[in-house]
């Protein structure tokens, strides 16, 4: 028996973002290429931040830079699957946030992949870390586990 931790279910996540797969997401093996999963993570988190007013990609004086990322794959996905990204916040520091994302294929209850990334929030002009802005903290609060 394998010692690998099984995938989590949708119940482990706080917010959900639908993502449309594209024909170009498939690789020569007929499934979504591994690098696309990272784009799904980024799309899901930034969609929430933008929709909830915590990020204006063109003008926000504070932006998040990715300093760490990882992914565990459980089941293949392929175009034209529907993907739902479940999002939660596992840690909030003074200037950093660890986002965790589960990717769910179609109506599956168990994640096809689970990943994380850490944003360090910096001043856009100086690129130096700054405390999390209040607007961001308000968006993160209901996502925290």
Protein backbone atom coordinates (compact mmCIF):
# COMPACT_ATOMS: atom_id res chain seq x y z
CA UNK A 1 0.00 0.00 0.00
CA UNK A 2 1.30 3.44 -0.92
CA UNK A 3 2.08 5.99 1.76
CA UNK A 4 0.92 8.82 -0.49
CA UNK A 5 -1.66 11.15 1.01
CA UNK A 6 -4.95 10.95 -0.92
CA UNK A 7 -6.37 14.03 -2.65
CA UNK A 8 -8.54 16.41 -0.68
CA UNK A 9 -12.19 17.03 -1.44
CA UNK A 10 -14.03 20.23 -2.30
CA UNK A 11 -15.03 20.60 1.37
CA UNK A 12 -11.41 21.51 2.22
CA UNK A 13 -11.60 24.78 0.27
CA UNK A 14 -13.33 28.09 0.97
CA UNK A 15 -13.99 29.64 -2.45
CA UNK A 16 -14.36 28.28 -5.98
CA UNK A 17 -13.44 29.71 -9.37
CA UNK A 18 -14.44 28.04 -12.66
CA UNK A 19 -11.69 27.79 -15.27
CA UNK A 20 -12.17 26.86 -18.90
CA UNK A 21 -9.65 24.51 -20.44
CA UNK A 22 -8.47 25.27 -23.96
CA UNK A 23 -7.44 23.02 -26.83
CA UNK A 24 -3.90 24.41 -26.52
CA UNK A 25 -3.69 23.25 -22.86
CA UNK A 26 -3.37 19.63 -23.99
CA UNK A 27 0.10 18.29 -24.65
CA UNK A 28 1.26 15.55 -27.01
CA UNK A 29 0.15 12.93 -24.44
CA UNK A 30 -3.47 14.12 -24.63
CA UNK A 31 -3.79 15.75 -21.23
CA UNK A 32 -3.35 19.20 -19.72
CA UNK A 33 0.38 19.89 -19.53
CA UNK A 34 1.82 20.23 -16.04
CA UNK A 35 2.86 23.88 -16.51
CA UNK A 36 -0.76 24.83 -17.23
CA UNK A 37 -1.75 23.79 -13.70
CA UNK A 38 0.41 26.62 -12.37
CA UNK A 39 -1.38 29.06 -14.68
CA UNK A 40 -4.69 27.75 -13.28
CA UNK A 41 -3.47 28.46 -9.71
CA UNK A 42 -2.41 31.99 -10.63
CA UNK A 43 -5.63 32.66 -12.55
CA UNK A 44 -7.85 31.45 -9.71
CA UNK A 45 -6.18 33.45 -6.94
CA UNK A 46 -5.78 36.65 -8.93
CA UNK A 47 -9.39 36.41 -10.16
CA UNK A 48 -10.57 36.47 -6.55
CA UNK A 49 -8.24 39.33 -5.59
CA UNK A 50 -9.35 41.41 -8.58
CA UNK A 51 -13.08 40.62 -8.20
CA UNK A 52 -13.02 41.52 -4.50
CA UNK A 53 -11.12 44.79 -4.96
CA UNK A 54 -7.81 43.78 -3.39
CA UNK A 55 -5.82 44.00 -6.64
CA UNK A 56 -5.83 46.41 -9.54
CA UNK A 57 -3.24 44.83 -11.81
CA UNK A 58 -2.37 48.11 -13.52
CA UNK A 59 -2.41 50.49 -10.56
CA UNK A 60 -2.13 48.79 -7.17
CA UNK A 61 0.84 50.22 -5.28
CA UNK A 62 1.32 46.82 -3.60
CA UNK A 63 1.66 43.63 -5.65
CA UNK A 64 2.30 39.97 -4.82
CA UNK A 65 5.40 38.23 -6.14
CA UNK A 66 5.57 34.44 -6.16
CA UNK A 67 8.51 33.17 -4.08
CA UNK A 68 7.54 29.50 -3.73
CA UNK A 69 5.27 27.10 -5.54
CA UNK A 70 4.49 23.39 -5.74
CA UNK A 71 1.97 20.91 -7.10
CA UNK A 72 0.90 17.31 -6.52
CA UNK A 73 -0.92 15.54 -9.35
CA UNK A 74 -3.53 12.84 -8.73
CA UNK A 75 -5.52 12.51 -11.95
CA UNK A 76 -5.14 13.79 -15.49
CA UNK A 77 -7.33 16.50 -16.94
CA UNK A 78 -7.81 17.26 -20.64
CA UNK A 79 -9.65 19.66 -22.91
CA UNK A 80 -12.68 19.98 -22.86
CA UNK A 81 -12.85 19.23 -19.12
CA UNK A 82 -14.36 21.84 -16.86
CA UNK A 83 -12.00 22.81 -14.07
CA UNK A 84 -13.01 24.30 -10.76
CA UNK A 85 -10.27 25.76 -8.59
CA UNK A 86 -10.88 25.63 -4.85
CA UNK A 87 -8.93 28.27 -2.92
CA UNK A 88 -7.93 28.66 0.70
CA UNK A 89 -5.35 30.65 2.64
CA UNK A 90 -3.16 28.45 4.82
CA UNK A 91 -0.94 31.18 6.27
CA UNK A 92 -0.82 34.96 6.49
CA UNK A 93 2.35 36.64 7.63
CA UNK A 94 3.23 40.29 7.88
CA UNK A 95 3.99 40.57 4.15
CA UNK A 96 3.32 37.07 2.80
CA UNK A 97 0.42 34.73 2.08
CA UNK A 98 0.41 30.99 1.37
CA UNK A 99 -2.44 30.19 -1.00
CA UNK A 100 -3.48 26.58 -1.48
CA UNK A 101 -5.47 25.55 -4.54
CA UNK A 102 -7.26 22.32 -5.41
CA UNK A 103 -8.14 21.69 -9.03
CA UNK A 104 -11.29 19.66 -9.57
CA UNK A 105 -12.13 17.98 -12.87
CA UNK A 106 -15.75 18.29 -14.01
CA UNK A 107 -17.97 17.23 -11.10
CA UNK A 108 -15.33 15.15 -9.30
CA UNK A 109 -15.37 15.51 -5.53
CA UNK A 110 -11.65 14.69 -5.12
CA UNK A 111 -8.94 17.01 -6.42
CA UNK A 112 -7.15 16.10 -9.64
CA UNK A 113 -4.24 18.24 -8.41
CA UNK A 114 -3.36 20.28 -5.35
CA UNK A 115 -0.89 23.08 -5.27
CA UNK A 116 0.33 26.05 -3.35
CA UNK A 117 2.17 29.24 -3.87
CA UNK A 118 3.47 31.92 -1.59
CA UNK A 119 3.12 35.58 -2.48
CA UNK A 120 5.35 38.14 -0.83
CA UNK A 121 3.66 41.51 -1.11
CA UNK A 122 5.95 44.32 -2.19
CA UNK A 123 5.82 47.98 -3.03
CA UNK A 124 5.41 48.08 -6.83
CA UNK A 125 8.06 50.79 -7.27
CA UNK A 126 10.76 49.61 -4.83
CA UNK A 127 10.05 45.86 -4.94
CA UNK A 128 10.60 45.78 -1.16
CA UNK A 129 8.28 43.80 1.14
CA UNK A 130 5.46 45.73 2.80
CA UNK A 131 2.72 44.78 5.28
CA UNK A 132 -0.41 43.29 3.76
CA UNK A 133 -2.83 46.11 2.86
CA UNK A 134 -6.14 46.26 4.76
CA UNK A 135 -8.15 45.62 1.58
CA UNK A 136 -6.18 42.42 0.99
CA UNK A 137 -6.58 41.29 4.61
CA UNK A 138 -10.36 41.71 4.27
CA UNK A 139 -10.39 39.47 1.18
CA UNK A 140 -8.14 36.85 2.80
CA UNK A 141 -10.11 36.54 6.03
CA UNK A 142 -12.94 34.33 4.72
CA UNK A 143 -10.42 32.19 2.79
CA UNK A 144 -8.35 31.35 5.87
CA UNK A 145 -8.26 27.84 7.27
